[in-house]
C-alpha atoms as a PDB file:
ATOM      1  CA  MET A   1     -12.337-100.388  -2.378  1.00  0.00           C
ATOM      2  CA  LYS A   2     -14.216 -99.484   0.797  1.00  0.00           C
ATOM      3  CA  LYS A   3     -17.531 -97.691   0.470  1.00  0.00           C
ATOM      4  CA  GLU A   4     -17.989 -94.801   2.884  1.00  0.00           C
ATOM      5  CA  LEU A   5     -21.237 -94.839   4.816  1.00  0.00           C
ATOM      6  CA  SER A   6     -23.093 -91.611   5.369  1.00  0.00           C
ATOM      7  CA  ARG A   7     -25.604 -90.994   8.117  1.00  0.00           C
ATOM      8  CA  VAL A   8     -29.178 -90.005   7.477  1.00  0.00           C
ATOM      9  CA  CYS A   9     -30.259 -88.982  10.979  1.00  0.00           C
ATOM     10  CA  ILE A  10     -28.882 -86.369  13.349  1.00  0.00           C
ATOM     11  CA  TYR A  11     -28.635 -86.558  17.141  1.00  0.00           C
ATOM     12  CA  PRO A  12     -28.629 -83.881  19.861  1.00  0.00           C
ATOM     13  CA  LYS A  13     -24.889 -84.387  20.417  1.00  0.00           C
ATOM     14  CA  ASP A  14     -24.243 -83.603  16.733  1.00  0.00           C
ATOM     15  CA  ILE A  15     -26.366 -80.459  16.991  1.00  0.00           C
ATOM     16  CA  GLN A  16     -24.437 -79.472  20.105  1.00  0.00           C
ATOM     17  CA  ARG A  17     -21.128 -79.735  18.216  1.00  0.00           C
ATOM     18  CA  ILE A  18     -22.500 -77.732  15.274  1.00  0.00           C
ATOM     19  CA  THR A  19     -24.190 -74.935  17.221  1.00  0.00           C
ATOM     20  CA  GLY A  20     -22.151 -74.778  20.427  1.00  0.00           C
ATOM     21  CA  ARG A  21     -25.365 -74.796  22.451  1.00  0.00           C
ATOM     22  CA  SER A  22     -26.049 -76.957  25.507  1.00  0.00           C
ATOM     23  CA  GLU A  23     -27.167 -80.567  25.173  1.00  0.00           C
ATOM     24  CA  ARG A  24     -30.447 -79.718  26.895  1.00  0.00           C
ATOM     25  CA  TYR A  25     -31.191 -76.994  24.333  1.00  0.00           C
ATOM     26  CA  CYS A  26     -30.387 -79.418  21.517  1.00  0.00           C
ATOM     27  CA  ARG A  27     -32.748 -82.072  22.916  1.00  0.00           C
ATOM     28  CA  LYS A  28     -35.517 -79.464  23.033  1.00  0.00           C
ATOM     29  CA  LEU A  29     -34.710 -78.436  19.468  1.00  0.00           C
ATOM     30  CA  VAL A  30     -34.987 -82.063  18.317  1.00  0.00           C
ATOM     31  CA  SER A  31     -38.368 -82.303  20.089  1.00  0.00           C
ATOM     32  CA  ARG A  32     -39.581 -79.151  18.314  1.00  0.00           C
ATOM     33  CA  ILE A  33     -38.504 -80.484  14.929  1.00  0.00           C
ATOM     34  CA  LYS A  34     -40.263 -83.802  15.637  1.00  0.00           C
ATOM     35  CA  LYS A  35     -43.446 -81.974  16.609  1.00  0.00           C
ATOM     36  CA  ILE A  36     -43.415 -79.839  13.450  1.00  0.00           C
ATOM     37  CA  ASN A  37     -42.882 -82.954  11.286  1.00  0.00           C
ATOM     38  CA  ASN A  38     -45.572 -84.964  13.125  1.00  0.00           C
ATOM     39  CA  LYS A  39     -43.123 -87.582  14.335  1.00  0.00           C
ATOM     40  CA  GLU A  40     -43.462 -89.761  17.405  1.00  0.00           C
ATOM     41  CA  ALA A  41     -40.943 -89.734  20.249  1.00  0.00           C
ATOM     42  CA  HIS A  42     -39.181 -92.914  19.092  1.00  0.00           C
ATOM     43  CA  GLN A  43     -38.638 -91.661  15.529  1.00  0.00           C
ATOM     44  CA  PHE A  44     -35.442 -90.008  14.318  1.00  0.00           C
ATOM     45  CA  ILE A  45     -35.045 -86.676  12.540  1.00  0.00           C
ATOM     46  CA  SER A  46     -33.102 -86.487   9.313  1.00  0.00           C
ATOM     47  CA  ILE A  47     -30.313 -84.111   8.494  1.00  0.00           C
ATOM     48  CA  GLN A  48     -32.577 -82.587   5.831  1.00  0.00           C
ATOM     49  CA  GLU A  49     -35.337 -81.909   8.399  1.00  0.00           C
ATOM     50  CA  PHE A  50     -32.812 -80.292  10.738  1.00  0.00           C
ATOM     51  CA  CYS A  51     -31.436 -78.124   7.929  1.00  0.00           C
ATOM     52  CA  ALA A  52     -34.907 -77.096   6.752  1.00  0.00           C
ATOM     53  CA  TYR A  53     -35.725 -75.939  10.286  1.00  0.00           C
ATOM     54  CA  THR A  54     -32.443 -74.125  10.991  1.00  0.00           C
ATOM     55  CA  GLY A  55     -31.674 -72.789   7.518  1.00  0.00           C
ATOM     56  CA  LEU A  56     -28.249 -74.429   7.412  1.00  0.00           C
ATOM     57  CA  LYS A  57     -26.938 -76.105   4.274  1.00  0.00           C
ATOM     58  CA  VAL A  58     -27.048 -79.912   4.155  1.00  0.00           C
ATOM     59  CA  ASP A  59     -23.521 -80.214   2.741  1.00  0.00           C
ATOM     60  CA  GLU A  60     -22.055 -78.071   5.526  1.00  0.00           C
ATOM     61  CA  VAL A  61     -23.843 -80.043   8.244  1.00  0.00           C
ATOM     62  CA  LYS A  62     -22.806 -83.410   6.759  1.00  0.00           C
ATOM     63  CA  GLY A  63     -19.221 -82.189   6.774  1.00  0.00           C
ATOM     64  CA  LEU A  64     -19.397 -81.334  10.470  1.00  0.00           C
ATOM     65  CA  ILE A  65     -20.982 -84.490  11.878  1.00  0.00           C
ATOM     66  CA  VAL A  66     -18.885 -87.511  12.716  1.00  0.00           C
ATOM     67  CA  GLY A  67     -19.657 -90.927  11.274  1.00  0.00           C
END
């Protein structure tokens, strides 16, 4: 039995697929979320942080991202 891995972090390309916005907009959005959560540039944002900022449901977002 193979265990399915689920991702914890979200990338600008994932946000682009979900929202249909440009990659540049999505990179800026990630930067805004990092700033609000007091994260440094090298740190990732989680799916939960993205959902808290955008108001989307975690289950829906997890279903839309690949990997």
